[in-house]
Amino acid sequence: MRILGIDPGLRTTGFGVLDAAGGQLAYVASGVIQTADAPQGSLPARLKLLYDGIGEICRRYAPDVA
């Protein structure tokens, strides 16, 4: 089973991806989504960057659960 964990934040959102099988966990990937490119004070722009970033992570790593 592939697991996606998310550490939420509006400026920096962290993520980690693990594989779980037979009681063992294996590291797959981790990283951050930065929203610093969004216009200052623009919540909709930050949320769009997060939405797009999490969508890309889901497409790339195809988690079974999040």
PDB file of N, CA and C in Angstrom:
ATOM      1  N   MET A   1       0.849  -1.156   0.000  1.00  0.00           N
ATOM      2  CA  MET A   1       0.000   0.000   0.000  1.00  0.00           C
ATOM      3  C   MET A   1       0.905   1.233   0.000  1.00  0.00           C
ATOM      4  N   ARG A   2       0.588   2.185  -0.847  1.00  0.00           N
ATOM      5  CA  ARG A   2       1.342   3.442  -0.911  1.00  0.00           C
ATOM      6  C   ARG A   2       0.605   4.508  -0.104  1.00  0.00           C
ATOM      7  N   ILE A   3       1.341   5.181   0.777  1.00  0.00           N
ATOM      8  CA  ILE A   3       0.769   6.155   1.706  1.00  0.00           C
ATOM      9  C   ILE A   3       1.346   7.533   1.419  1.00  0.00           C
ATOM     10  N   LEU A   4       0.467   8.526   1.344  1.00  0.00           N
ATOM     11  CA  LEU A   4       0.877   9.923   1.200  1.00  0.00           C
ATOM     12  C   LEU A   4       0.547  10.653   2.490  1.00  0.00           C
ATOM     13  N   GLY A   5       1.556  11.250   3.106  1.00  0.00           N
ATOM     14  CA  GLY A   5       1.353  12.070   4.297  1.00  0.00           C
ATOM     15  C   GLY A   5       1.586  13.527   3.937  1.00  0.00           C
ATOM     16  N   ILE A   6       0.749  14.412   4.468  1.00  0.00           N
ATOM     17  CA  ILE A   6       0.846  15.836   4.149  1.00  0.00           C
ATOM     18  C   ILE A   6       0.962  16.638   5.439  1.00  0.00           C
ATOM     19  N   ASP A   7       1.935  17.550   5.479  1.00  0.00           N
ATOM     20  CA  ASP A   7       2.104  18.505   6.578  1.00  0.00           C
ATOM     21  C   ASP A   7       1.644  19.855   6.047  1.00  0.00           C
ATOM     22  N   PRO A   8       0.403  20.256   6.346  1.00  0.00           N
ATOM     23  CA  PRO A   8      -0.180  21.426   5.693  1.00  0.00           C
ATOM     24  C   PRO A   8       0.401  22.758   6.160  1.00  0.00           C
ATOM     25  N   GLY A   9       0.408  23.694   5.247  1.00  0.00           N
ATOM     26  CA  GLY A   9       0.802  25.069   5.527  1.00  0.00           C
ATOM     27  C   GLY A   9       0.495  25.918   4.307  1.00  0.00           C
ATOM     28  N   LEU A  10       0.183  27.179   4.498  1.00  0.00           N
ATOM     29  CA  LEU A  10      -0.148  28.038   3.351  1.00  0.00           C
ATOM     30  C   LEU A  10       1.087  28.521   2.602  1.00  0.00           C
ATOM     31  N   ARG A  11       2.221  28.655   3.280  1.00  0.00           N
ATOM     32  CA  ARG A  11       3.448  29.092   2.599  1.00  0.00           C
ATOM     33  C   ARG A  11       4.285  27.895   2.151  1.00  0.00           C
ATOM     34  N   THR A  12       4.366  26.887   3.005  1.00  0.00           N
ATOM     35  CA  THR A  12       5.132  25.684   2.702  1.00  0.00           C
ATOM     36  C   THR A  12       4.331  24.481   3.174  1.00  0.00           C
ATOM     37  N   THR A  13       4.044  23.563   2.272  1.00  0.00           N
ATOM     38  CA  THR A  13       3.348  22.324   2.598  1.00  0.00           C
ATOM     39  C   THR A  13       4.303  21.174   2.336  1.00  0.00           C
ATOM     40  N   GLY A  14       4.538  20.363   3.356  1.00  0.00           N
ATOM     41  CA  GLY A  14       5.427  19.221   3.203  1.00  0.00           C
ATOM     42  C   GLY A  14       4.651  17.966   2.856  1.00  0.00           C
ATOM     43  N   PHE A  15       5.351  17.027   2.221  1.00  0.00           N
ATOM     44  CA  PHE A  15       4.721  15.740   1.923  1.00  0.00           C
ATOM     45  C   PHE A  15       5.747  14.624   2.031  1.00  0.00           C
ATOM     46  N   GLY A  16       5.259  13.431   2.304  1.00  0.00           N
ATOM     47  CA  GLY A  16       6.087  12.236   2.326  1.00  0.00           C
ATOM     48  C   GLY A  16       5.301  11.078   1.749  1.00  0.00           C
ATOM     49  N   VAL A  17       5.996  10.212   1.047  1.00  0.00           N
ATOM     50  CA  VAL A  17       5.366   9.041   0.439  1.00  0.00           C
ATOM     51  C   VAL A  17       6.108   7.803   0.930  1.00  0.00           C
ATOM     52  N   LEU A  18       5.348   6.827   1.436  1.00  0.00           N
ATOM     53  CA  LEU A  18       5.902   5.573   1.932  1.00  0.00           C
ATOM     54  C   LEU A  18       5.184   4.404   1.289  1.00  0.00           C
ATOM     55  N   ASP A  19       5.893   3.291   1.154  1.00  0.00           N
ATOM     56  CA  ASP A  19       5.268   2.027   0.781  1.00  0.00           C
ATOM     57  C   ASP A  19       5.213   1.155   2.025  1.00  0.00           C
ATOM     58  N   ALA A  20       4.067   0.533   2.277  1.00  0.00           N
ATOM     59  CA  ALA A  20       3.892  -0.369   3.413  1.00  0.00           C
ATOM     60  C   ALA A  20       3.534  -1.747   2.878  1.00  0.00           C
ATOM     61  N   ALA A  21       4.305  -2.742   3.317  1.00  0.00           N
ATOM     62  CA  ALA A  21       4.035  -4.120   2.898  1.00  0.00           C
ATOM     63  C   ALA A  21       4.594  -5.063   3.954  1.00  0.00           C
ATOM     64  N   GLY A  22       3.786  -6.009   4.371  1.00  0.00           N
ATOM     65  CA  GLY A  22       4.254  -7.015   5.321  1.00  0.00           C
ATOM     66  C   GLY A  22       4.783  -6.433   6.618  1.00  0.00           C
ATOM     67  N   GLY A  23       4.196  -5.369   7.099  1.00  0.00           N
ATOM     68  CA  GLY A  23       4.643  -4.758   8.344  1.00  0.00           C
ATOM     69  C   GLY A  23       5.894  -3.904   8.214  1.00  0.00           C
ATOM     70  N   GLN A  24       6.386  -3.724   7.013  1.00  0.00           N
ATOM     71  CA  GLN A  24       7.583  -2.923   6.764  1.00  0.00           C
ATOM     72  C   GLN A  24       7.213  -1.641   6.035  1.00  0.00           C
ATOM     73  N   LEU A  25       7.930  -0.570   6.334  1.00  0.00           N
ATOM     74  CA  LEU A  25       7.757   0.699   5.633  1.00  0.00           C
ATOM     75  C   LEU A  25       9.002   0.990   4.818  1.00  0.00           C
ATOM     76  N   ALA A  26       8.803   1.514   3.615  1.00  0.00           N
ATOM     77  CA  ALA A  26       9.925   1.884   2.751  1.00  0.00           C
ATOM     78  C   ALA A  26       9.719   3.309   2.255  1.00  0.00           C
ATOM     79  N   TYR A  27      10.755   4.108   2.389  1.00  0.00           N
ATOM     80  CA  TYR A  27      10.728   5.495   1.917  1.00  0.00           C
ATOM     81  C   TYR A  27      10.632   5.520   0.396  1.00  0.00           C
ATOM     82  N   VAL A  28       9.758   6.372  -0.131  1.00  0.00           N
ATOM     83  CA  VAL A  28       9.627   6.558  -1.575  1.00  0.00           C
ATOM     84  C   VAL A  28      10.067   7.965  -1.962  1.00  0.00           C
ATOM     85  N   ALA A  29       9.504   8.975  -1.315  1.00  0.00           N
ATOM     86  CA  ALA A  29       9.827  10.357  -1.684  1.00  0.00           C
ATOM     87  C   ALA A  29       9.350  11.309  -0.599  1.00  0.00           C
ATOM     88  N   SER A  30       9.891  12.514  -0.629  1.00  0.00           N
ATOM     89  CA  SER A  30       9.402  13.586   0.239  1.00  0.00           C
ATOM     90  C   SER A  30       9.780  14.911  -0.397  1.00  0.00           C
ATOM     91  N   GLY A  31       9.130  15.967   0.053  1.00  0.00           N
ATOM     92  CA  GLY A  31       9.439  17.280  -0.495  1.00  0.00           C
ATOM     93  C   GLY A  31       8.496  18.326   0.042  1.00  0.00           C
ATOM     94  N   VAL A  32       8.528  19.484  -0.590  1.00  0.00           N
ATOM     95  CA  VAL A  32       7.665  20.587  -0.176  1.00  0.00           C
ATOM     96  C   VAL A  32       7.031  21.241  -1.394  1.00  0.00           C
ATOM     97  N   ILE A  33       5.891  21.842  -1.157  1.00  0.00           N
ATOM     98  CA  ILE A  33       5.228  22.695  -2.143  1.00  0.00           C
ATOM     99  C   ILE A  33       5.327  24.111  -1.594  1.00  0.00           C
ATOM    100  N   GLN A  34       5.973  24.998  -2.329  1.00  0.00           N
ATOM    101  CA  GLN A  34       6.144  26.384  -1.911  1.00  0.00           C
ATOM    102  C   GLN A  34       5.098  27.250  -2.607  1.00  0.00           C
ATOM    103  N   THR A  35       4.564  28.213  -1.888  1.00  0.00           N
ATOM    104  CA  THR A  35       3.603  29.134  -2.499  1.00  0.00           C
ATOM    105  C   THR A  35       4.137  30.562  -2.501  1.00  0.00           C
ATOM    106  N   ALA A  36       5.446  30.716  -2.391  1.00  0.00           N
ATOM    107  CA  ALA A  36       6.057  32.050  -2.346  1.00  0.00           C
ATOM    108  C   ALA A  36       5.825  32.831  -3.640  1.00  0.00           C
ATOM    109  N   ASP A  37       5.576  32.132  -4.752  1.00  0.00           N
ATOM    110  CA  ASP A  37       5.353  32.810  -6.036  1.00  0.00           C
ATOM    111  C   ASP A  37       3.974  33.461  -6.127  1.00  0.00           C
ATOM    112  N   ALA A  38       3.084  33.133  -5.197  1.00  0.00           N
ATOM    113  CA  ALA A  38       1.739  33.726  -5.205  1.00  0.00           C
ATOM    114  C   ALA A  38       1.837  35.195  -4.812  1.00  0.00           C
ATOM    115  N   PRO A  39       0.989  36.033  -5.382  1.00  0.00           N
ATOM    116  CA  PRO A  39       0.981  37.446  -4.982  1.00  0.00           C
ATOM    117  C   PRO A  39       0.766  37.578  -3.473  1.00  0.00           C
ATOM    118  N   GLN A  40       1.458  38.528  -2.864  1.00  0.00           N
ATOM    119  CA  GLN A  40       1.362  38.747  -1.417  1.00  0.00           C
ATOM    120  C   GLN A  40      -0.098  38.904  -0.982  1.00  0.00           C
ATOM    121  N   GLY A  41      -0.510  38.122  -0.010  1.00  0.00           N
ATOM    122  CA  GLY A  41      -1.858  38.223   0.529  1.00  0.00           C
ATOM    123  C   GLY A  41      -2.941  37.578  -0.310  1.00  0.00           C
ATOM    124  N   SER A  42      -2.567  36.854  -1.368  1.00  0.00           N
ATOM    125  CA  SER A  42      -3.571  36.255  -2.244  1.00  0.00           C
ATOM    126  C   SER A  42      -3.838  34.804  -1.844  1.00  0.00           C
ATOM    127  N   LEU A  43      -4.809  34.611  -0.969  1.00  0.00           N
ATOM    128  CA  LEU A  43      -5.161  33.264  -0.532  1.00  0.00           C
ATOM    129  C   LEU A  43      -5.631  32.384  -1.691  1.00  0.00           C
ATOM    130  N   PRO A  44      -6.491  32.861  -2.595  1.00  0.00           N
ATOM    131  CA  PRO A  44      -6.904  32.003  -3.712  1.00  0.00           C
ATOM    132  C   PRO A  44      -5.720  31.525  -4.563  1.00  0.00           C
ATOM    133  N   ALA A  45      -4.736  32.385  -4.789  1.00  0.00           N
ATOM    134  CA  ALA A  45      -3.571  31.987  -5.585  1.00  0.00           C
ATOM    135  C   ALA A  45      -2.752  30.929  -4.848  1.00  0.00           C
ATOM    136  N   ARG A  46      -2.586  31.084  -3.546  1.00  0.00           N
ATOM    137  CA  ARG A  46      -1.847  30.084  -2.758  1.00  0.00           C
ATOM    138  C   ARG A  46      -2.574  28.739  -2.777  1.00  0.00           C
ATOM    139  N   LEU A  47      -3.885  28.772  -2.594  1.00  0.00           N
ATOM    140  CA  LEU A  47      -4.656  27.530  -2.605  1.00  0.00           C
ATOM    141  C   LEU A  47      -4.582  26.842  -3.958  1.00  0.00           C
ATOM    142  N   LYS A  48      -4.568  27.608  -5.036  1.00  0.00           N
ATOM    143  CA  LYS A  48      -4.445  27.030  -6.387  1.00  0.00           C
ATOM    144  C   LYS A  48      -3.094  26.348  -6.558  1.00  0.00           C
ATOM    145  N   LEU A  49      -2.019  26.985  -6.078  1.00  0.00           N
ATOM    146  CA  LEU A  49      -0.694  26.369  -6.156  1.00  0.00           C
ATOM    147  C   LEU A  49      -0.650  25.068  -5.354  1.00  0.00           C
ATOM    148  N   LEU A  50      -1.264  25.061  -4.174  1.00  0.00           N
ATOM    149  CA  LEU A  50      -1.304  23.845  -3.362  1.00  0.00           C
ATOM    150  C   LEU A  50      -2.131  22.755  -4.045  1.00  0.00           C
ATOM    151  N   TYR A  51      -3.269  23.126  -4.584  1.00  0.00           N
ATOM    152  CA  TYR A  51      -4.131  22.171  -5.293  1.00  0.00           C
ATOM    153  C   TYR A  51      -3.373  21.533  -6.459  1.00  0.00           C
ATOM    154  N   ASP A  52      -2.727  22.365  -7.255  1.00  0.00           N
ATOM    155  CA  ASP A  52      -1.972  21.854  -8.403  1.00  0.00           C
ATOM    156  C   ASP A  52      -0.804  20.982  -7.953  1.00  0.00           C
ATOM    157  N   GLY A  53      -0.099  21.407  -6.905  1.00  0.00           N
ATOM    158  CA  GLY A  53       1.050  20.648  -6.418  1.00  0.00           C
ATOM    159  C   GLY A  53       0.660  19.290  -5.869  1.00  0.00           C
ATOM    160  N   ILE A  54      -0.398  19.244  -5.080  1.00  0.00           N
ATOM    161  CA  ILE A  54      -0.843  17.967  -4.526  1.00  0.00           C
ATOM    162  C   ILE A  54      -1.374  17.063  -5.633  1.00  0.00           C
ATOM    163  N   GLY A  55      -2.035  17.647  -6.619  1.00  0.00           N
ATOM    164  CA  GLY A  55      -2.489  16.855  -7.767  1.00  0.00           C
ATOM    165  C   GLY A  55      -1.329  16.214  -8.506  1.00  0.00           C
ATOM    166  N   GLU A  56      -0.251  16.960  -8.695  1.00  0.00           N
ATOM    167  CA  GLU A  56       0.935  16.427  -9.375  1.00  0.00           C
ATOM    168  C   GLU A  56       1.570  15.304  -8.551  1.00  0.00           C
ATOM    169  N   ILE A  57       1.651  15.476  -7.252  1.00  0.00           N
ATOM    170  CA  ILE A  57       2.204  14.429  -6.385  1.00  0.00           C
ATOM    171  C   ILE A  57       1.354  13.165  -6.489  1.00  0.00           C
ATOM    172  N   CYS A  58       0.042  13.314  -6.476  1.00  0.00           N
ATOM    173  CA  CYS A  58      -0.850  12.150  -6.597  1.00  0.00           C
ATOM    174  C   CYS A  58      -0.691  11.457  -7.944  1.00  0.00           C
ATOM    175  N   ARG A  59      -0.540  12.219  -9.011  1.00  0.00           N
ATOM    176  CA  ARG A  59      -0.332  11.611 -10.336  1.00  0.00           C
ATOM    177  C   ARG A  59       1.014  10.891 -10.394  1.00  0.00           C
ATOM    178  N   ARG A  60       2.028  11.495  -9.832  1.00  0.00           N
ATOM    179  CA  ARG A  60       3.377  10.928  -9.907  1.00  0.00           C
ATOM    180  C   ARG A  60       3.521   9.665  -9.064  1.00  0.00           C
ATOM    181  N   TYR A  61       2.984   9.673  -7.837  1.00  0.00           N
ATOM    182  CA  TYR A  61       3.235   8.571  -6.909  1.00  0.00           C
ATOM    183  C   TYR A  61       2.039   7.645  -6.698  1.00  0.00           C
ATOM    184  N   ALA A  62       0.865   8.007  -7.181  1.00  0.00           N
ATOM    185  CA  ALA A  62      -0.343   7.171  -7.116  1.00  0.00           C
ATOM    186  C   ALA A  62      -0.562   6.540  -5.738  1.00  0.00           C
ATOM    187  N   PRO A  63      -0.756   7.364  -4.696  1.00  0.00           N
ATOM    188  CA  PRO A  63      -0.971   6.796  -3.360  1.00  0.00           C
ATOM    189  C   PRO A  63      -2.313   6.069  -3.264  1.00  0.00           C
ATOM    190  N   ASP A  64      -2.329   5.048  -2.408  1.00  0.00           N
ATOM    191  CA  ASP A  64      -3.572   4.334  -2.131  1.00  0.00           C
ATOM    192  C   ASP A  64      -4.376   5.040  -1.048  1.00  0.00           C
ATOM    193  N   VAL A  65      -3.683   5.664  -0.098  1.00  0.00           N
ATOM    194  CA  VAL A  65      -4.329   6.410   0.985  1.00  0.00           C
ATOM    195  C   VAL A  65      -3.550   7.689   1.238  1.00  0.00           C
ATOM    196  N   ALA A  66      -4.263   8.673   1.800  1.00  0.00           N
ATOM    197  CA  ALA A  66      -3.601   9.938   2.151  1.00  0.00           C
ATOM    198  C   ALA A  66      -4.071  10.374   3.516  1.00  0.00           C
TER     199      ALA A  66
END
